[in-house]
Amino acid sequence: MEKKLFVGNLPYSMTDEDLEHTFAEYGSVESAVVIRDRETGRSRGFGFVEMASSEEAEAAQKALDGSDVDGRPLRVNEAHPREARPRRDDRW
């Protein structure tokens, strides 16, 4: 069963491929995505990684949470479903 991880405090220079390579050491990576700003295309400093199994995800989380990547300590946690938010034009 796949498990999705939230990865925070990423270096702004990190690409999807860099993120995948970082996690591939701990198992099979199904997907790795660095979240980017819609307008500028610049990294927002976080991303998501889907691992092939819960065991691989737990191993990656234990090994990488707090580890230093380009001078920034990564934060790796289990990802939770996004909460529903009202659309921007619905708020006014």
N, C-alpha and C. Protein backbone atom coordinates (compact mmCIF):
# COMPACT_ATOMS: atom_id res chain seq x y z
N MET A 1 0.84 -1.18 0.00
CA MET A 1 0.00 0.00 0.00
C MET A 1 0.89 1.24 0.00
N GLU A 2 0.59 2.19 -0.89
CA GLU A 2 1.36 3.42 -0.97
C GLU A 2 1.13 4.29 0.25
N LYS A 3 2.15 5.06 0.57
CA LYS A 3 2.02 6.01 1.67
C LYS A 3 2.59 7.34 1.22
N LYS A 4 1.86 8.40 1.47
CA LYS A 4 2.26 9.73 1.04
C LYS A 4 2.88 10.48 2.21
N LEU A 5 4.02 11.12 1.93
CA LEU A 5 4.73 11.88 2.94
C LEU A 5 4.77 13.36 2.56
N PHE A 6 4.64 14.22 3.56
CA PHE A 6 4.83 15.65 3.41
C PHE A 6 6.28 15.93 3.73
N VAL A 7 6.95 16.71 2.88
CA VAL A 7 8.35 17.06 3.11
C VAL A 7 8.44 18.58 3.14
N GLY A 8 8.78 19.11 4.30
CA GLY A 8 8.86 20.56 4.46
C GLY A 8 10.28 21.04 4.64
N ASN A 9 10.44 22.35 4.53
CA ASN A 9 11.72 23.03 4.69
C ASN A 9 12.73 22.62 3.61
N LEU A 10 12.22 22.41 2.40
CA LEU A 10 13.09 22.05 1.28
C LEU A 10 13.90 23.26 0.83
N PRO A 11 15.13 23.03 0.37
CA PRO A 11 15.88 24.12 -0.24
C PRO A 11 15.12 24.59 -1.49
N TYR A 12 15.11 25.88 -1.76
CA TYR A 12 14.37 26.40 -2.91
C TYR A 12 14.93 25.93 -4.24
N SER A 13 16.16 25.45 -4.24
CA SER A 13 16.79 24.97 -5.47
C SER A 13 16.41 23.52 -5.80
N MET A 14 15.74 22.82 -4.89
CA MET A 14 15.44 21.41 -5.09
C MET A 14 14.40 21.20 -6.19
N THR A 15 14.67 20.22 -7.05
CA THR A 15 13.75 19.86 -8.12
C THR A 15 13.01 18.57 -7.76
N ASP A 16 12.01 18.22 -8.57
CA ASP A 16 11.30 16.96 -8.37
C ASP A 16 12.28 15.78 -8.42
N GLU A 17 13.21 15.84 -9.35
CA GLU A 17 14.19 14.75 -9.51
C GLU A 17 15.10 14.65 -8.29
N ASP A 18 15.52 15.80 -7.76
CA ASP A 18 16.36 15.80 -6.55
C ASP A 18 15.60 15.17 -5.38
N LEU A 19 14.34 15.53 -5.25
CA LEU A 19 13.52 14.99 -4.16
C LEU A 19 13.36 13.49 -4.30
N GLU A 20 13.08 13.04 -5.52
CA GLU A 20 12.95 11.60 -5.76
C GLU A 20 14.25 10.87 -5.43
N HIS A 21 15.37 11.43 -5.86
CA HIS A 21 16.67 10.81 -5.61
C HIS A 21 16.96 10.72 -4.10
N THR A 22 16.58 11.73 -3.35
CA THR A 22 16.80 11.76 -1.91
C THR A 22 16.05 10.62 -1.23
N PHE A 23 14.83 10.34 -1.66
CA PHE A 23 14.01 9.31 -1.03
C PHE A 23 14.22 7.92 -1.61
N ALA A 24 14.74 7.82 -2.84
CA ALA A 24 14.92 6.52 -3.51
C ALA A 24 15.87 5.61 -2.75
N GLU A 25 16.74 6.18 -1.96
CA GLU A 25 17.68 5.40 -1.16
C GLU A 25 16.96 4.49 -0.16
N TYR A 26 15.71 4.83 0.18
CA TYR A 26 14.97 4.10 1.21
C TYR A 26 13.86 3.23 0.65
N GLY A 27 13.70 3.20 -0.68
CA GLY A 27 12.69 2.34 -1.28
C GLY A 27 12.20 2.90 -2.60
N SER A 28 11.17 2.28 -3.11
CA SER A 28 10.61 2.64 -4.40
C SER A 28 9.73 3.89 -4.28
N VAL A 29 10.10 4.92 -5.02
CA VAL A 29 9.35 6.18 -5.01
C VAL A 29 8.35 6.15 -6.16
N GLU A 30 7.08 6.26 -5.83
CA GLU A 30 6.03 6.28 -6.85
C GLU A 30 5.92 7.66 -7.48
N SER A 31 6.05 8.71 -6.67
CA SER A 31 6.05 10.08 -7.19
C SER A 31 6.74 10.99 -6.19
N ALA A 32 7.30 12.08 -6.71
CA ALA A 32 7.94 13.10 -5.88
C ALA A 32 7.69 14.44 -6.55
N VAL A 33 7.04 15.35 -5.82
CA VAL A 33 6.66 16.63 -6.40
C VAL A 33 7.02 17.77 -5.44
N VAL A 34 7.78 18.73 -5.94
CA VAL A 34 8.05 19.97 -5.20
C VAL A 34 6.94 20.94 -5.59
N ILE A 35 6.25 21.50 -4.61
CA ILE A 35 5.15 22.42 -4.88
C ILE A 35 5.71 23.79 -5.24
N ARG A 36 5.19 24.34 -6.34
CA ARG A 36 5.69 25.60 -6.86
C ARG A 36 4.59 26.66 -6.86
N ASP A 37 5.01 27.92 -6.73
CA ASP A 37 4.10 29.05 -6.80
C ASP A 37 3.52 29.14 -8.22
N ARG A 38 2.23 29.33 -8.33
CA ARG A 38 1.57 29.37 -9.64
C ARG A 38 2.06 30.53 -10.50
N GLU A 39 2.30 31.66 -9.89
CA GLU A 39 2.68 32.85 -10.66
C GLU A 39 4.16 32.91 -11.00
N THR A 40 5.01 32.57 -10.05
CA THR A 40 6.45 32.73 -10.27
C THR A 40 7.14 31.43 -10.67
N GLY A 41 6.54 30.29 -10.36
CA GLY A 41 7.18 29.01 -10.64
C GLY A 41 8.25 28.65 -9.63
N ARG A 42 8.47 29.51 -8.64
CA ARG A 42 9.48 29.26 -7.61
C ARG A 42 8.96 28.24 -6.60
N SER A 43 9.85 27.43 -6.10
CA SER A 43 9.49 26.46 -5.08
C SER A 43 8.89 27.16 -3.87
N ARG A 44 7.89 26.52 -3.28
CA ARG A 44 7.29 27.06 -2.06
C ARG A 44 7.95 26.46 -0.82
N GLY A 45 8.95 25.60 -1.00
CA GLY A 45 9.71 25.06 0.13
C GLY A 45 9.15 23.79 0.73
N PHE A 46 8.18 23.18 0.04
CA PHE A 46 7.67 21.89 0.51
C PHE A 46 7.25 21.04 -0.67
N GLY A 47 7.02 19.77 -0.40
CA GLY A 47 6.61 18.86 -1.45
C GLY A 47 6.00 17.60 -0.87
N PHE A 48 5.70 16.66 -1.75
CA PHE A 48 5.10 15.39 -1.36
C PHE A 48 5.81 14.25 -2.06
N VAL A 49 5.97 13.15 -1.34
CA VAL A 49 6.59 11.95 -1.88
C VAL A 49 5.68 10.78 -1.59
N GLU A 50 5.40 9.97 -2.61
CA GLU A 50 4.63 8.74 -2.42
C GLU A 50 5.59 7.57 -2.54
N MET A 51 5.62 6.76 -1.49
CA MET A 51 6.47 5.58 -1.47
C MET A 51 5.60 4.35 -1.76
N ALA A 52 6.22 3.29 -2.27
CA ALA A 52 5.48 2.10 -2.67
C ALA A 52 4.87 1.35 -1.49
N SER A 53 5.49 1.44 -0.31
CA SER A 53 4.94 0.71 0.84
C SER A 53 5.07 1.56 2.10
N SER A 54 4.27 1.21 3.07
CA SER A 54 4.32 1.91 4.36
C SER A 54 5.66 1.72 5.04
N GLU A 55 6.24 0.52 4.90
CA GLU A 55 7.52 0.24 5.54
C GLU A 55 8.62 1.12 4.97
N GLU A 56 8.62 1.28 3.64
CA GLU A 56 9.63 2.13 3.00
C GLU A 56 9.43 3.58 3.41
N ALA A 57 8.18 4.02 3.47
CA ALA A 57 7.89 5.39 3.87
C ALA A 57 8.34 5.65 5.31
N GLU A 58 8.10 4.70 6.20
CA GLU A 58 8.52 4.87 7.59
C GLU A 58 10.03 4.92 7.71
N ALA A 59 10.72 4.08 6.92
CA ALA A 59 12.18 4.08 6.94
C ALA A 59 12.72 5.42 6.44
N ALA A 60 12.14 5.94 5.37
CA ALA A 60 12.57 7.23 4.83
C ALA A 60 12.28 8.35 5.83
N GLN A 61 11.12 8.29 6.46
CA GLN A 61 10.74 9.33 7.43
C GLN A 61 11.72 9.34 8.60
N LYS A 62 12.01 8.18 9.15
CA LYS A 62 12.93 8.10 10.29
C LYS A 62 14.33 8.59 9.92
N ALA A 63 14.78 8.24 8.72
CA ALA A 63 16.13 8.59 8.31
C ALA A 63 16.26 10.06 7.91
N LEU A 64 15.24 10.62 7.28
CA LEU A 64 15.38 11.94 6.69
C LEU A 64 14.81 13.08 7.52
N ASP A 65 13.89 12.81 8.45
CA ASP A 65 13.32 13.88 9.27
C ASP A 65 14.43 14.51 10.11
N GLY A 66 14.66 15.78 9.92
CA GLY A 66 15.71 16.49 10.65
C GLY A 66 17.06 16.46 9.97
N SER A 67 17.19 15.69 8.89
CA SER A 67 18.48 15.62 8.20
C SER A 67 18.75 16.91 7.44
N ASP A 68 20.02 17.23 7.28
CA ASP A 68 20.44 18.47 6.64
C ASP A 68 20.56 18.28 5.13
N VAL A 69 19.85 19.14 4.37
CA VAL A 69 19.97 19.17 2.92
C VAL A 69 20.23 20.61 2.52
N ASP A 70 21.41 20.86 2.01
CA ASP A 70 21.83 22.22 1.63
C ASP A 70 21.63 23.22 2.76
N GLY A 71 21.95 22.82 3.98
CA GLY A 71 21.88 23.72 5.12
C GLY A 71 20.50 23.88 5.73
N ARG A 72 19.54 23.08 5.29
CA ARG A 72 18.17 23.18 5.82
C ARG A 72 17.75 21.83 6.39
N PRO A 73 17.26 21.79 7.63
CA PRO A 73 16.80 20.52 8.21
C PRO A 73 15.42 20.16 7.65
N LEU A 74 15.35 19.02 6.96
CA LEU A 74 14.08 18.58 6.38
C LEU A 74 13.09 18.22 7.47
N ARG A 75 11.83 18.40 7.18
CA ARG A 75 10.73 17.96 8.04
C ARG A 75 9.94 16.96 7.22
N VAL A 76 9.88 15.72 7.70
CA VAL A 76 9.18 14.66 6.97
C VAL A 76 8.11 14.08 7.88
N ASN A 77 6.87 14.16 7.43
CA ASN A 77 5.73 13.65 8.19
C ASN A 77 4.77 12.94 7.25
N GLU A 78 3.90 12.14 7.83
CA GLU A 78 2.85 11.52 7.03
C GLU A 78 1.92 12.63 6.52
N ALA A 79 1.60 12.57 5.24
CA ALA A 79 0.70 13.58 4.66
C ALA A 79 -0.74 13.27 5.04
N HIS A 80 -1.50 14.31 5.27
CA HIS A 80 -2.92 14.16 5.59
C HIS A 80 -3.73 14.78 4.47
N PRO A 81 -4.94 14.29 4.24
CA PRO A 81 -5.76 14.87 3.17
C PRO A 81 -5.98 16.36 3.39
N ARG A 82 -6.00 17.08 2.31
CA ARG A 82 -6.20 18.53 2.37
C ARG A 82 -7.61 18.84 2.81
N GLU A 83 -7.73 19.78 3.73
CA GLU A 83 -9.05 20.18 4.21
C GLU A 83 -9.75 21.01 3.16
N ALA A 84 -11.05 20.84 3.06
CA ALA A 84 -11.83 21.62 2.10
C ALA A 84 -11.82 23.08 2.54
N ARG A 85 -11.54 23.95 1.59
CA ARG A 85 -11.54 25.38 1.86
C ARG A 85 -12.50 26.05 0.89
N PRO A 86 -13.12 27.12 1.31
CA PRO A 86 -14.00 27.82 0.38
C PRO A 86 -13.19 28.44 -0.76
N ARG A 87 -13.80 28.52 -1.93
CA ARG A 87 -13.13 29.15 -3.05
C ARG A 87 -12.94 30.63 -2.75
N ARG A 88 -11.96 31.23 -3.35
CA ARG A 88 -11.67 32.64 -3.07
C ARG A 88 -12.86 33.53 -3.34
N ASP A 89 -13.55 33.33 -4.44
CA ASP A 89 -14.65 34.22 -4.76
C ASP A 89 -15.89 33.95 -3.90
N ASP A 90 -15.92 32.83 -3.18
CA ASP A 90 -17.04 32.51 -2.29
C ASP A 90 -16.91 33.19 -0.93
N ARG A 91 -15.72 33.68 -0.63
CA ARG A 91 -15.50 34.28 0.70
C ARG A 91 -16.09 35.67 0.81
N TRP A 92 -16.30 36.35 -0.25
CA TRP A 92 -16.75 37.74 -0.19
C TRP A 92 -18.19 37.76 -0.48
